[in-house]
N, C-alpha and C. Protein backbone atom coordinates (compact mmCIF):
# COMPACT_ATOMS: atom_id res chain seq x y z
N MET A 1 5.38 -10.34 -18.68
CA MET A 1 4.90 -11.15 -17.63
C MET A 1 5.98 -11.50 -16.64
N ILE A 2 5.60 -11.24 -15.54
CA ILE A 2 7.07 -11.91 -14.31
C ILE A 2 6.10 -12.52 -13.64
N ARG A 3 7.19 -13.11 -13.35
CA ARG A 3 6.82 -14.33 -12.05
C ARG A 3 7.90 -13.80 -10.62
N CYS A 4 6.97 -14.29 -9.80
CA CYS A 4 8.07 -14.20 -8.39
C CYS A 4 7.54 -15.14 -7.45
N PHE A 5 8.62 -15.50 -6.89
CA PHE A 5 8.15 -16.90 -6.08
C PHE A 5 8.25 -16.50 -4.51
N ALA A 6 7.45 -17.37 -3.90
CA ALA A 6 7.35 -17.21 -2.26
C ALA A 6 7.25 -18.34 -1.60
N TRP A 7 8.00 -18.88 -0.78
CA TRP A 7 7.57 -19.81 0.07
C TRP A 7 6.33 -20.03 1.35
N THR A 8 5.42 -20.66 0.96
CA THR A 8 4.14 -20.74 1.95
C THR A 8 4.41 -22.30 3.03
N PRO A 9 4.69 -21.65 4.29
CA PRO A 9 4.81 -22.64 4.84
C PRO A 9 3.74 -23.94 5.45
N LEU A 10 2.40 -23.76 4.91
CA LEU A 10 1.65 -24.49 5.53
C LEU A 10 1.27 -25.31 4.34
N VAL A 11 1.75 -25.49 3.18
CA VAL A 11 1.78 -25.98 2.42
C VAL A 11 2.75 -26.87 1.86
N GLY A 12 4.20 -26.31 2.01
CA GLY A 12 5.35 -26.37 1.47
C GLY A 12 5.55 -26.48 0.21
N ALA A 13 5.09 -25.80 -0.12
CA ALA A 13 5.20 -25.46 -1.78
C ALA A 13 5.33 -23.85 -2.17
N PRO A 14 6.09 -23.44 -3.07
CA PRO A 14 6.12 -21.85 -3.78
C PRO A 14 5.28 -21.62 -4.10
N LEU A 15 4.40 -20.39 -3.85
CA LEU A 15 3.22 -19.79 -4.45
C LEU A 15 4.14 -18.96 -5.76
N ILE A 16 3.40 -19.26 -6.96
CA ILE A 16 4.22 -18.51 -7.78
C ILE A 16 3.24 -17.17 -8.50
N THR A 17 3.34 -16.23 -8.12
CA THR A 17 2.87 -15.11 -8.46
C THR A 17 3.23 -14.26 -9.72
N THR A 18 2.11 -14.86 -11.01
CA THR A 18 2.09 -14.09 -11.99
C THR A 18 1.53 -12.48 -12.39
N VAL A 19 2.28 -11.66 -13.01
CA VAL A 19 1.50 -10.59 -13.49
C VAL A 19 1.97 -10.33 -14.55
N HIS A 20 0.60 -10.24 -15.03
CA HIS A 20 0.42 -10.39 -16.78
C HIS A 20 -0.34 -8.86 -17.18
N PHE A 21 0.58 -7.71 -18.20
CA PHE A 21 0.70 -7.05 -18.67
C PHE A 21 0.02 -7.14 -19.94
N THR A 22 -1.09 -5.92 -20.17
CA THR A 22 -1.94 -6.25 -21.07
C THR A 22 -2.26 -4.80 -21.78
N SER A 23 -2.52 -4.44 -22.94
CA SER A 23 -2.71 -3.43 -23.82
C SER A 23 -4.00 -2.98 -23.71
N PRO A 24 -4.64 -1.61 -23.39
CA PRO A 24 -4.05 -0.87 -22.62
C PRO A 24 -3.64 -1.77 -21.51
N PRO A 25 -2.64 -0.87 -20.87
CA PRO A 25 -1.80 -1.00 -19.70
C PRO A 25 -2.79 -1.48 -18.45
N SER A 26 -2.90 -3.14 -17.94
CA SER A 26 -3.24 -2.85 -17.06
C SER A 26 -3.14 -4.22 -16.42
N LEU A 27 -3.21 -4.53 -15.05
CA LEU A 27 -2.29 -5.48 -14.10
C LEU A 27 -3.44 -6.71 -13.69
N ARG A 28 -2.76 -8.06 -13.72
CA ARG A 28 -3.31 -9.28 -13.74
C ARG A 28 -3.00 -10.16 -12.53
N ILE A 29 -3.37 -10.25 -11.80
CA ILE A 29 -1.92 -11.48 -10.81
C ILE A 29 -2.91 -12.54 -10.72
N PHE A 30 -2.24 -14.04 -10.99
CA PHE A 30 -2.80 -15.24 -10.81
C PHE A 30 -1.58 -15.55 -9.65
N ALA A 31 -2.40 -16.85 -8.86
CA ALA A 31 -1.45 -17.53 -8.14
C ALA A 31 -1.50 -18.89 -8.62
N SER A 32 -0.57 -19.73 -8.24
CA SER A 32 -0.34 -21.45 -8.53
C SER A 32 0.51 -21.99 -7.57
N ARG A 33 0.31 -23.24 -7.62
CA ARG A 33 1.55 -23.81 -6.50
C ARG A 33 2.12 -24.88 -7.44
N SER A 34 3.29 -25.10 -7.56
CA SER A 34 4.27 -25.97 -7.97
C SER A 34 4.46 -27.22 -6.65
N SER A 35 5.44 -28.30 -7.26
CA SER A 35 5.39 -28.85 -6.37
C SER A 35 7.44 -28.58 -5.75
N ALA A 36 7.26 -29.09 -4.60
CA ALA A 36 8.84 -28.99 -4.32
C ALA A 36 9.34 -29.74 -3.10
N PRO A 37 10.28 -29.64 -2.93
CA PRO A 37 11.03 -30.88 -2.17
C PRO A 37 10.92 -30.64 -0.70
N SER A 38 10.74 -31.40 0.18
CA SER A 38 10.17 -31.22 1.44
C SER A 38 11.14 -30.38 2.62
N SER A 39 11.41 -29.35 3.08
CA SER A 39 12.90 -28.84 3.54
C SER A 39 11.94 -28.13 4.95
N SER A 40 12.80 -28.33 6.07
CA SER A 40 13.06 -27.88 7.44
C SER A 40 12.63 -26.02 7.10
N THR A 41 13.32 -25.58 6.08
CA THR A 41 13.31 -24.13 5.53
C THR A 41 12.20 -23.71 5.08
N VAL A 42 11.24 -24.98 4.36
CA VAL A 42 9.97 -24.37 3.75
C VAL A 42 9.09 -24.44 5.00
N ALA A 43 9.19 -24.78 6.25
CA ALA A 43 8.36 -24.56 7.33
C ALA A 43 8.54 -23.59 8.28
N ALA A 44 9.77 -23.21 8.11
CA ALA A 44 10.17 -21.84 8.61
C ALA A 44 9.92 -20.44 8.26
N ALA A 45 9.41 -20.52 6.87
CA ALA A 45 9.05 -19.54 5.97
C ALA A 45 8.02 -18.60 6.78
N SER A 46 7.89 -17.84 6.27
CA SER A 46 6.38 -16.68 6.83
C SER A 46 5.67 -16.17 5.72
N ARG A 47 4.52 -15.90 5.98
CA ARG A 47 3.57 -15.35 4.87
C ARG A 47 4.23 -13.96 4.40
N ARG A 48 5.16 -13.48 5.30
CA ARG A 48 5.63 -12.41 4.92
C ARG A 48 6.51 -11.89 3.79
N SER A 49 6.69 -13.23 3.37
CA SER A 49 7.54 -13.52 1.77
C SER A 49 6.43 -13.02 0.75
N ILE A 50 5.40 -13.96 0.95
CA ILE A 50 4.59 -13.69 0.09
C ILE A 50 4.11 -12.02 0.09
N SER A 51 3.65 -11.28 0.84
CA SER A 51 3.21 -10.04 0.89
C SER A 51 4.24 -9.29 0.13
N LEU A 52 5.74 -9.21 0.54
CA LEU A 52 6.62 -8.54 0.46
C LEU A 52 6.89 -8.79 -1.04
N SER A 53 6.65 -10.12 -2.02
CA SER A 53 6.79 -10.35 -2.85
C SER A 53 5.69 -9.66 -3.87
N LEU A 54 4.18 -9.91 -3.64
CA LEU A 54 3.52 -9.53 -4.19
C LEU A 54 3.66 -7.65 -4.07
N ILE A 55 4.07 -7.11 -3.46
CA ILE A 55 3.84 -5.42 -3.65
C ILE A 55 5.40 -5.31 -3.95
N ALA A 56 6.34 -6.07 -4.06
CA ALA A 56 7.49 -5.70 -4.51
C ALA A 56 6.91 -5.67 -6.36
N VAL A 57 6.93 -6.73 -6.61
CA VAL A 57 6.66 -6.91 -8.07
C VAL A 57 5.48 -5.86 -8.82
N THR A 58 3.99 -5.46 -8.07
CA THR A 58 3.17 -4.82 -8.48
C THR A 58 3.92 -2.96 -8.37
N SER A 59 4.37 -3.15 -7.33
CA SER A 59 4.98 -1.94 -7.09
C SER A 59 6.22 -1.14 -8.68
N SER A 60 6.73 -2.32 -8.84
CA SER A 60 7.03 -1.85 -10.37
C SER A 60 6.54 -1.65 -11.22
N VAL A 61 5.65 -1.74 -11.24
CA VAL A 61 4.34 -1.48 -12.27
C VAL A 61 4.23 -0.18 -11.81
N VAL A 62 3.91 0.47 -10.88
CA VAL A 62 3.92 1.49 -11.09
C VAL A 62 4.32 2.47 -11.94
N SER A 63 5.76 2.27 -11.60
CA SER A 63 6.60 3.70 -12.39
C SER A 63 6.64 3.37 -13.73
N SER A 64 5.90 1.98 -14.35
CA SER A 64 6.47 2.30 -15.88
C SER A 64 5.04 2.66 -16.51
N PHE A 65 3.97 3.25 -15.87
CA PHE A 65 2.75 3.90 -16.67
C PHE A 65 2.46 4.95 -16.06
N SER A 66 2.21 6.04 -16.58
CA SER A 66 1.31 7.15 -16.45
C SER A 66 0.10 6.90 -15.01
N PHE A 67 -0.21 7.95 -14.47
CA PHE A 67 -1.21 7.43 -13.47
C PHE A 67 -2.63 8.01 -14.31
N SER A 68 -2.51 8.63 -15.00
CA SER A 68 -3.65 8.95 -15.96
C SER A 68 -4.21 8.13 -17.06
N SER A 69 -3.08 6.85 -17.17
CA SER A 69 -3.58 6.05 -18.26
C SER A 69 -4.63 5.05 -17.83
N PRO A 70 -5.20 4.22 -18.89
CA PRO A 70 -6.25 3.30 -18.89
C PRO A 70 -6.24 2.17 -17.65
N ALA A 71 -5.07 2.19 -16.89
CA ALA A 71 -4.79 1.09 -16.06
C ALA A 71 -5.57 1.07 -15.02
N LEU A 72 -6.13 3.40 -14.41
CA LEU A 72 -6.84 3.26 -13.32
C LEU A 72 -8.32 2.97 -13.35
N ALA A 73 -8.70 2.33 -14.83
CA ALA A 73 -9.88 1.82 -15.25
C ALA A 73 -10.29 0.53 -14.10
N ASP A 74 -9.42 -0.28 -13.69
CA ASP A 74 -9.45 -1.52 -13.09
C ASP A 74 -9.33 -0.99 -11.71
N PHE A 75 -9.19 0.38 -11.25
CA PHE A 75 -9.77 0.77 -9.64
C PHE A 75 -11.08 1.06 -9.36
N SER A 76 -11.30 0.44 -8.12
CA SER A 76 -13.34 1.53 -8.02
C SER A 76 -13.03 2.59 -7.11
N GLU A 77 -14.04 3.15 -6.98
CA GLU A 77 -14.09 4.35 -6.08
C GLU A 77 -14.76 3.96 -5.05
N ILE A 78 -13.94 4.15 -3.54
CA ILE A 78 -14.85 3.93 -2.24
C ILE A 78 -16.18 4.85 -2.21
N LEU A 79 -17.41 4.32 -2.32
CA LEU A 79 -18.28 5.17 -1.81
C LEU A 79 -17.98 6.12 -0.27
N ASN A 80 -18.81 7.21 -0.60
CA ASN A 80 -18.14 8.58 0.30
C ASN A 80 -17.00 8.93 0.70
N SER A 81 -15.94 8.66 -0.02
CA SER A 81 -14.69 8.67 0.10
C SER A 81 -14.21 9.91 -0.46
N GLY A 82 -14.10 10.94 -0.95
CA GLY A 82 -13.96 11.96 -1.72
C GLY A 82 -13.15 11.92 -3.26
N GLY A 83 -13.27 10.61 -3.21
CA GLY A 83 -12.62 10.46 -4.71
C GLY A 83 -11.44 9.15 -4.70
N VAL A 84 -11.20 8.45 -3.12
CA VAL A 84 -10.48 7.61 -2.93
C VAL A 84 -10.67 6.19 -4.18
N LYS A 85 -9.76 6.10 -4.83
CA LYS A 85 -9.78 4.43 -5.43
C LYS A 85 -8.95 3.54 -5.13
N ALA A 86 -9.39 2.15 -5.11
CA ALA A 86 -9.07 1.50 -4.63
C ALA A 86 -9.04 -0.31 -5.62
N LEU A 87 -7.84 -0.71 -5.29
CA LEU A 87 -7.81 -2.29 -6.31
C LEU A 87 -7.06 -2.97 -5.32
N ASP A 88 -7.96 -4.08 -4.93
CA ASP A 88 -7.05 -5.27 -3.97
C ASP A 88 -6.51 -6.46 -4.72
N LEU A 89 -5.52 -6.36 -3.86
CA LEU A 89 -4.17 -7.08 -4.89
C LEU A 89 -4.64 -8.13 -4.30
N ARG A 90 -5.16 -8.50 -2.62
CA ARG A 90 -5.18 -9.48 -2.19
C ARG A 90 -6.23 -9.37 -1.15
N ILE A 91 -7.40 -10.43 -1.03
CA ILE A 91 -8.35 -10.18 0.16
C ILE A 91 -8.25 -10.97 1.11
N GLY A 92 -8.38 -10.50 2.24
CA GLY A 92 -7.95 -10.66 3.42
C GLY A 92 -9.48 -11.76 4.00
N ASP A 93 -8.59 -12.56 4.60
CA ASP A 93 -9.47 -13.17 5.51
C ASP A 93 -9.77 -13.13 6.92
N GLY A 94 -9.27 -12.13 7.45
CA GLY A 94 -9.43 -11.76 9.09
C GLY A 94 -10.99 -10.72 9.19
N GLU A 95 -10.94 -10.16 10.49
CA GLU A 95 -11.54 -9.29 11.05
C GLU A 95 -11.97 -7.76 10.30
N VAL A 96 -12.89 -7.19 10.11
CA VAL A 96 -12.65 -6.05 9.69
C VAL A 96 -12.93 -4.71 10.66
N PRO A 97 -12.05 -4.04 10.18
CA PRO A 97 -11.94 -2.97 11.69
C PRO A 97 -13.25 -2.32 11.58
N ILE A 98 -13.32 -1.73 13.00
CA ILE A 98 -14.30 -0.61 13.48
C ILE A 98 -13.43 1.10 13.72
N GLU A 99 -14.21 1.60 14.13
CA GLU A 99 -14.25 2.61 14.72
C GLU A 99 -13.14 2.88 16.13
N GLY A 100 -12.30 2.92 16.12
CA GLY A 100 -11.74 3.29 17.52
C GLY A 100 -10.60 1.85 17.50
N ASP A 101 -10.64 1.02 16.96
CA ASP A 101 -9.88 0.18 16.76
C ASP A 101 -8.27 0.46 16.68
N GLN A 102 -7.84 -0.20 16.93
CA GLN A 102 -5.72 0.29 17.05
C GLN A 102 -5.41 -0.91 15.77
N ILE A 103 -4.96 -0.35 14.80
CA ILE A 103 -4.79 -0.63 13.71
C ILE A 103 -3.22 -0.76 13.30
N GLU A 104 -2.98 -2.14 12.82
CA GLU A 104 -1.30 -2.07 12.04
C GLU A 104 -1.63 -2.17 10.58
N ILE A 105 -0.66 -1.61 10.02
CA ILE A 105 -0.90 -1.75 8.69
C ILE A 105 0.61 -1.49 8.24
N HIS A 106 1.19 -2.25 7.12
CA HIS A 106 2.28 -2.01 6.21
C HIS A 106 2.09 -1.09 4.97
N TYR A 107 3.11 -0.36 4.53
CA TYR A 107 2.98 0.49 3.39
C TYR A 107 4.09 0.88 2.33
N TYR A 108 3.63 0.95 1.54
CA TYR A 108 4.69 1.55 0.39
C TYR A 108 4.22 3.03 0.15
N GLY A 109 4.18 3.95 0.21
CA GLY A 109 3.55 5.32 -0.15
C GLY A 109 4.43 5.87 -1.22
N ARG A 110 3.82 6.39 -2.21
CA ARG A 110 4.37 7.09 -3.47
C ARG A 110 3.99 8.22 -3.89
N LEU A 111 4.30 9.04 -4.51
CA LEU A 111 4.14 10.37 -4.82
C LEU A 111 3.82 10.24 -6.47
N ALA A 112 2.71 10.64 -6.98
CA ALA A 112 1.96 10.43 -8.61
C ALA A 112 2.90 11.92 -8.74
N ALA A 113 3.15 13.13 -8.11
CA ALA A 113 3.42 13.98 -8.99
C ALA A 113 5.11 13.61 -9.43
N LYS A 114 6.22 12.69 -8.63
CA LYS A 114 7.27 12.79 -9.03
C LYS A 114 7.48 10.98 -9.64
N GLN A 115 6.51 10.82 -10.51
CA GLN A 115 6.59 9.58 -11.57
C GLN A 115 6.60 8.50 -10.45
N GLY A 116 5.95 8.49 -9.07
CA GLY A 116 5.80 7.25 -8.85
C GLY A 116 6.95 7.44 -7.70
N TRP A 117 8.01 8.14 -7.57
CA TRP A 117 8.37 8.38 -6.07
C TRP A 117 8.35 7.92 -4.58
N ARG A 118 9.28 6.89 -4.83
CA ARG A 118 8.25 6.07 -3.01
C ARG A 118 9.07 6.68 -2.01
N PHE A 119 8.18 7.72 -1.35
CA PHE A 119 8.84 8.45 -0.13
C PHE A 119 8.50 7.72 1.21
N ASP A 120 8.30 6.88 1.45
CA ASP A 120 8.53 5.90 2.68
C ASP A 120 7.68 4.58 2.25
N SER A 121 8.46 3.80 3.58
CA SER A 121 7.48 2.29 3.29
C SER A 121 7.89 1.61 4.71
N THR A 122 7.14 1.35 5.19
CA THR A 122 7.06 0.45 6.52
C THR A 122 8.18 -0.57 6.69
N TYR A 123 8.09 -1.00 5.51
CA TYR A 123 9.25 -2.46 5.50
C TYR A 123 10.66 -2.08 5.54
N ASP A 124 10.97 -0.53 5.53
CA ASP A 124 12.74 -0.26 5.69
C ASP A 124 12.40 0.31 7.10
N HIS A 125 11.11 0.11 7.77
CA HIS A 125 11.24 0.33 9.61
C HIS A 125 11.74 -0.66 10.35
N LYS A 126 12.60 -0.91 10.56
CA LYS A 126 13.39 -2.18 11.49
C LYS A 126 13.60 -1.97 12.87
N ASP A 127 12.94 -2.80 13.83
CA ASP A 127 13.32 -3.18 14.79
C ASP A 127 14.63 -4.03 15.28
N SER A 128 15.04 -4.03 16.34
CA SER A 128 16.50 -4.34 16.97
C SER A 128 16.79 -5.89 16.33
N ASN A 129 15.72 -6.96 16.00
CA ASN A 129 15.91 -7.98 15.27
C ASN A 129 15.77 -7.91 14.19
N GLY A 130 15.83 -6.63 13.46
CA GLY A 130 15.83 -6.61 12.05
C GLY A 130 14.23 -6.90 11.25
N GLU A 131 12.96 -7.18 11.90
CA GLU A 131 12.13 -7.15 11.60
C GLU A 131 11.12 -5.52 11.14
N ALA A 132 10.34 -5.78 10.50
CA ALA A 132 9.88 -4.50 9.55
C ALA A 132 8.90 -4.49 10.64
N VAL A 133 8.71 -3.39 11.21
CA VAL A 133 7.71 -2.60 12.42
C VAL A 133 6.49 -1.88 11.40
N PRO A 134 5.14 -2.24 11.56
CA PRO A 134 3.92 -2.02 11.23
C PRO A 134 3.91 -0.49 11.78
N PHE A 135 3.43 0.16 11.09
CA PHE A 135 2.63 1.58 11.49
C PHE A 135 1.45 1.76 12.08
N THR A 136 0.98 1.91 13.28
CA THR A 136 0.01 1.82 14.28
C THR A 136 -0.77 3.30 14.14
N PHE A 137 -2.35 3.33 14.21
CA PHE A 137 -2.79 4.19 14.47
C PHE A 137 -4.03 3.66 14.97
N VAL A 138 -4.84 4.80 15.59
CA VAL A 138 -6.73 4.09 16.04
C VAL A 138 -7.41 4.80 14.74
N LEU A 139 -8.17 4.13 14.42
CA LEU A 139 -8.97 4.28 13.55
C LEU A 139 -10.04 5.26 14.03
N GLY A 140 -10.24 6.35 13.26
CA GLY A 140 -10.85 7.43 13.44
C GLY A 140 -10.34 8.64 14.33
N SER A 141 -9.14 8.40 14.60
CA SER A 141 -8.62 9.54 15.36
C SER A 141 -8.12 10.64 14.39
N SER A 142 -8.22 10.70 12.85
CA SER A 142 -8.05 11.93 12.62
C SER A 142 -6.68 12.09 12.49
N LYS A 143 -5.46 11.39 13.44
CA LYS A 143 -4.24 11.71 13.14
C LYS A 143 -3.42 11.32 11.77
N VAL A 144 -4.29 10.65 11.12
CA VAL A 144 -3.35 9.98 9.57
C VAL A 144 -4.22 10.92 8.52
N ILE A 145 -3.48 10.17 7.50
CA ILE A 145 -4.16 10.98 6.38
C ILE A 145 -6.06 10.38 5.93
N PRO A 146 -7.24 11.28 5.48
CA PRO A 146 -8.02 10.73 5.44
C PRO A 146 -8.05 9.67 4.30
N GLY A 147 -7.50 9.33 3.42
CA GLY A 147 -7.89 8.28 2.36
C GLY A 147 -7.17 7.07 2.96
N ILE A 148 -6.14 6.96 3.82
CA ILE A 148 -5.88 5.44 4.17
C ILE A 148 -6.65 5.22 5.22
N GLU A 149 -7.37 6.00 6.27
CA GLU A 149 -8.76 5.89 7.01
C GLU A 149 -9.73 4.86 6.25
N THR A 150 -9.96 5.68 5.27
CA THR A 150 -10.96 5.46 3.88
C THR A 150 -10.94 3.82 3.66
N ALA A 151 -9.33 3.54 2.90
CA ALA A 151 -8.98 2.43 2.56
C ALA A 151 -9.48 1.71 3.62
N VAL A 152 -8.70 1.43 4.85
CA VAL A 152 -8.30 0.48 5.92
C VAL A 152 -10.04 -0.05 6.23
N ARG A 153 -10.99 1.03 6.56
CA ARG A 153 -12.25 0.84 6.90
C ARG A 153 -12.73 -0.37 6.09
N SER A 154 -13.09 -0.65 4.92
CA SER A 154 -13.38 -1.83 4.27
C SER A 154 -12.44 -3.30 3.57
N MET A 155 -11.22 -3.17 4.50
CA MET A 155 -10.49 -3.80 3.96
C MET A 155 -10.71 -5.35 5.32
N LYS A 156 -10.00 -6.47 5.04
CA LYS A 156 -10.30 -7.63 6.17
C LYS A 156 -8.35 -7.70 6.10
N VAL A 157 -8.51 -8.28 7.80
CA VAL A 157 -7.21 -8.39 8.03
C VAL A 157 -6.32 -9.51 7.13
N GLY A 158 -4.99 -8.80 6.83
CA GLY A 158 -4.45 -9.85 5.66
C GLY A 158 -4.29 -9.52 4.16
N GLY A 159 -5.63 -8.36 3.67
CA GLY A 159 -5.69 -8.35 2.71
C GLY A 159 -4.53 -7.04 2.48
N ILE A 160 -4.17 -6.76 1.02
CA ILE A 160 -3.10 -5.71 0.68
C ILE A 160 -4.18 -5.25 -0.47
N ARG A 161 -4.25 -3.63 -0.50
CA ARG A 161 -4.89 -2.65 -1.21
C ARG A 161 -4.06 -1.55 -2.24
N ARG A 162 -4.38 -1.41 -2.84
CA ARG A 162 -3.81 -0.05 -3.45
C ARG A 162 -4.41 0.61 -3.67
N VAL A 163 -3.94 1.88 -3.03
CA VAL A 163 -5.20 3.39 -3.37
C VAL A 163 -4.61 4.12 -4.14
N VAL A 164 -5.32 5.26 -4.86
CA VAL A 164 -4.78 6.27 -5.38
C VAL A 164 -5.90 7.40 -4.81
N ILE A 165 -5.01 8.39 -4.06
CA ILE A 165 -5.61 9.25 -2.87
C ILE A 165 -5.66 10.51 -3.52
N PRO A 166 -6.57 11.52 -3.96
CA PRO A 166 -6.50 12.65 -4.38
C PRO A 166 -5.83 13.56 -3.27
N PRO A 167 -5.70 15.15 -3.34
CA PRO A 167 -5.28 15.73 -2.58
C PRO A 167 -5.72 16.01 -1.69
N SER A 168 -7.23 16.18 -2.31
CA SER A 168 -8.18 16.57 -0.97
C SER A 168 -8.18 15.37 0.37
N GLN A 169 -7.85 14.23 0.26
CA GLN A 169 -8.25 13.07 0.89
C GLN A 169 -6.33 12.81 1.33
N GLY A 170 -5.70 13.65 1.12
CA GLY A 170 -3.91 13.43 1.13
C GLY A 170 -3.55 14.24 2.16
N TYR A 171 -2.31 14.74 2.35
CA TYR A 171 -1.66 15.33 2.99
C TYR A 171 -2.15 16.97 3.02
N GLN A 172 -2.57 17.57 4.18
CA GLN A 172 -3.25 18.97 4.18
C GLN A 172 -2.17 19.74 4.93
N ASN A 173 -1.34 19.20 5.60
CA ASN A 173 -0.27 19.84 6.77
C ASN A 173 0.38 18.85 6.37
N THR A 174 1.58 19.41 7.66
CA THR A 174 3.13 18.45 7.59
C THR A 174 2.71 17.94 8.69
N SER A 175 2.34 17.72 9.79
CA SER A 175 2.23 16.96 10.93
C SER A 175 1.24 15.81 10.77
N GLN A 176 0.21 15.66 9.77
CA GLN A 176 -0.23 14.29 9.44
C GLN A 176 0.63 13.19 9.39
N GLU A 177 -0.07 12.06 9.61
CA GLU A 177 0.72 10.69 9.30
C GLU A 177 0.20 10.08 8.26
N PRO A 178 0.95 8.92 8.16
CA PRO A 178 2.29 8.67 8.20
C PRO A 178 3.47 10.11 7.68
N LEU A 179 4.42 10.02 8.45
CA LEU A 179 5.48 10.65 8.10
C LEU A 179 7.07 10.08 7.67
N PRO A 180 7.22 10.20 6.72
CA PRO A 180 8.73 9.59 6.23
C PRO A 180 9.43 9.90 7.46
N PRO A 181 10.62 8.94 7.90
CA PRO A 181 11.13 9.34 9.16
C PRO A 181 12.58 9.75 8.92
N ASN A 182 12.74 9.83 7.40
CA ASN A 182 13.98 10.67 7.20
C ASN A 182 13.86 12.03 6.68
N PHE A 183 14.47 13.22 7.20
CA PHE A 183 14.18 14.17 7.02
C PHE A 183 14.03 14.61 5.75
N PHE A 184 15.14 14.53 4.89
CA PHE A 184 15.12 14.61 3.49
C PHE A 184 14.14 14.29 2.92
N ASP A 185 13.59 13.11 3.07
CA ASP A 185 12.30 12.26 2.11
C ASP A 185 10.76 13.32 2.70
N ARG A 186 10.90 13.87 3.77
CA ARG A 186 9.83 14.57 4.13
C ARG A 186 9.57 16.13 3.75
N GLN A 187 11.02 16.43 3.76
CA GLN A 187 11.27 18.02 2.96
C GLN A 187 10.89 17.78 1.58
N ARG A 188 11.43 16.69 0.99
CA ARG A 188 10.93 16.46 -0.56
C ARG A 188 9.14 16.16 -0.95
N LEU A 189 9.01 15.72 -0.32
CA LEU A 189 7.20 15.52 -0.12
C LEU A 189 6.74 16.70 -0.11
N PHE A 190 7.09 17.35 1.33
CA PHE A 190 5.83 18.52 1.57
C PHE A 190 6.87 19.51 0.67
N THR A 191 7.69 19.66 -0.16
CA THR A 191 8.00 20.87 -0.66
C THR A 191 7.56 20.64 -2.33
N THR A 192 6.96 19.82 -2.61
CA THR A 192 6.27 19.14 -3.65
C THR A 192 4.69 19.27 -3.63
N ILE A 193 4.24 18.83 -2.37
CA ILE A 193 2.64 18.85 -2.24
C ILE A 193 2.28 20.59 -1.88
N PHE A 194 3.35 21.60 -1.48
CA PHE A 194 2.79 22.46 -0.94
C PHE A 194 3.64 24.02 -1.79
N ASN A 195 4.11 23.11 -3.00
CA ASN A 195 5.48 24.57 -3.64
C ASN A 195 3.96 25.48 -4.09
N PRO A 196 4.19 26.65 -3.31
CA PRO A 196 3.50 27.71 -3.78
C PRO A 196 3.70 27.96 -5.09
N THR A 197 4.53 28.08 -5.92
CA THR A 197 4.57 28.83 -7.23
C THR A 197 3.48 27.88 -7.95
N ARG A 198 3.52 26.64 -7.82
CA ARG A 198 3.06 25.36 -8.76
C ARG A 198 1.11 25.71 -8.23
N LEU A 199 0.99 25.75 -7.05
CA LEU A 199 -0.18 25.75 -6.50
C LEU A 199 -1.14 26.98 -6.78
N ALA A 200 -0.10 28.30 -7.30
CA ALA A 200 -0.42 29.34 -7.82
C ALA A 200 -0.96 28.98 -9.57
N ASN A 201 -0.13 28.00 -10.09
CA ASN A 201 -0.46 27.58 -11.27
C ASN A 201 -1.62 27.22 -11.18
N GLY A 202 -2.31 26.54 -10.43
CA GLY A 202 -3.45 25.78 -10.25
C GLY A 202 -3.36 24.35 -10.58
N GLU A 203 -1.83 23.52 -10.35
CA GLU A 203 -1.52 22.24 -10.04
C GLU A 203 -1.85 21.63 -9.10
N GLY A 204 -2.49 22.20 -8.12
CA GLY A 204 -2.94 21.31 -6.42
C GLY A 204 -3.60 19.99 -6.86
N SER A 205 -4.53 20.11 -8.05
CA SER A 205 -5.11 18.86 -8.36
C SER A 205 -4.25 17.38 -8.46
N THR A 206 -2.99 18.07 -9.04
CA THR A 206 -1.95 16.68 -9.34
C THR A 206 -0.93 16.78 -8.26
N LEU A 207 -0.06 17.82 -7.79
CA LEU A 207 0.81 17.82 -6.91
C LEU A 207 0.68 16.92 -5.55
N GLY A 208 -0.64 16.91 -5.37
CA GLY A 208 -0.72 16.15 -4.09
C GLY A 208 -1.26 14.84 -4.01
N THR A 209 -1.45 14.20 -5.16
CA THR A 209 -1.86 12.98 -5.40
C THR A 209 -0.75 11.59 -4.78
N LEU A 210 -1.36 10.73 -4.10
CA LEU A 210 -0.72 9.57 -3.52
C LEU A 210 -1.15 8.10 -3.91
N VAL A 211 -0.10 7.24 -4.15
CA VAL A 211 -0.29 5.85 -4.25
C VAL A 211 0.03 5.15 -3.35
N PHE A 212 -0.84 4.67 -2.47
CA PHE A 212 -0.28 3.75 -1.34
C PHE A 212 -0.54 2.11 -1.33
N ASP A 213 0.22 1.48 -1.03
CA ASP A 213 -0.26 -0.15 -0.98
C ASP A 213 -0.20 -0.58 0.24
N ILE A 214 -1.12 -0.91 0.55
CA ILE A 214 -1.59 -1.02 1.92
C ILE A 214 -1.91 -2.64 2.37
N GLU A 215 -1.15 -2.94 3.49
CA GLU A 215 -1.30 -4.76 3.68
C GLU A 215 -1.96 -4.17 5.63
N LEU A 216 -3.20 -4.84 5.32
CA LEU A 216 -4.01 -4.68 7.03
C LEU A 216 -3.15 -5.87 7.81
N VAL A 217 -2.83 -5.69 8.40
CA VAL A 217 -1.60 -6.67 9.89
C VAL A 217 -2.47 -7.04 10.60
N SER A 218 -3.30 -6.06 11.43
CA SER A 218 -4.10 -6.54 12.33
C SER A 218 -5.16 -5.63 12.84
N THR A 219 -6.27 -5.70 13.40
CA THR A 219 -7.07 -4.90 14.57
C THR A 219 -7.50 -4.90 15.58
N ARG A 220 -7.12 -4.26 16.63
CA ARG A 220 -7.69 -5.04 18.10
C ARG A 220 -8.74 -3.50 18.58
N ARG A 221 -9.56 -4.53 18.96
CA ARG A 221 -10.87 -3.65 19.79
C ARG A 221 -10.35 -2.64 21.12
N LEU A 222 -9.86 -1.54 21.53
CA LEU A 222 -9.33 -0.61 22.32
C LEU A 222 -10.38 -0.42 23.54
N HIS A 223 -11.60 -0.65 22.92
CA HIS A 223 -12.92 -0.68 24.29
C HIS A 223 -13.69 -1.85 23.87
N ARG A 224 -13.88 -2.32 25.18
CA ARG A 224 -15.10 -3.42 24.63
C ARG A 224 -15.98 -3.60 25.52
């Protein structure tokens, strides 16, 4: 069992997120509040700390078990998704996006073939003020991999969802987004997914499997 603490500005008490491991390995997340002294620091905290804590703790779980383990039984396959499986870590309370919306998400992207190697994270993309910069795209533009578009279509703003994306719904070429900004990370990612020798050996069904933790930050109608 692991506990992480994140301050919540509206209540003035830390949210204690508890992650339970069971056998066979699975993941359960519970939240509770404990009393805390009033402080101006508490009032200045943001919900982002909760998101980071929640994803960071659960992300550490991914590398601790095989992606073929029974833990995947906790995921549900999204209808008409081509095999994308989802597990909601937090249900949002905002709008549900529609086709043509401008979407902002934060994500952790990992490659199953590399034992959960994290090839990119928007939380590492900082602006001049040191704030994490979300990834922005237009839903339905086909510029991003299909698995991410499928995942956000049924999310609400504020939600966090883990998705397991099969190769057919992941990267089909080296120009699809999101792309790691670091050249060496891109090279490692694509030389793994498109490795000709391993593809010829019939490993294509596993090489391109991706795991994304996605936080839907905002959705905006471009055409009203």
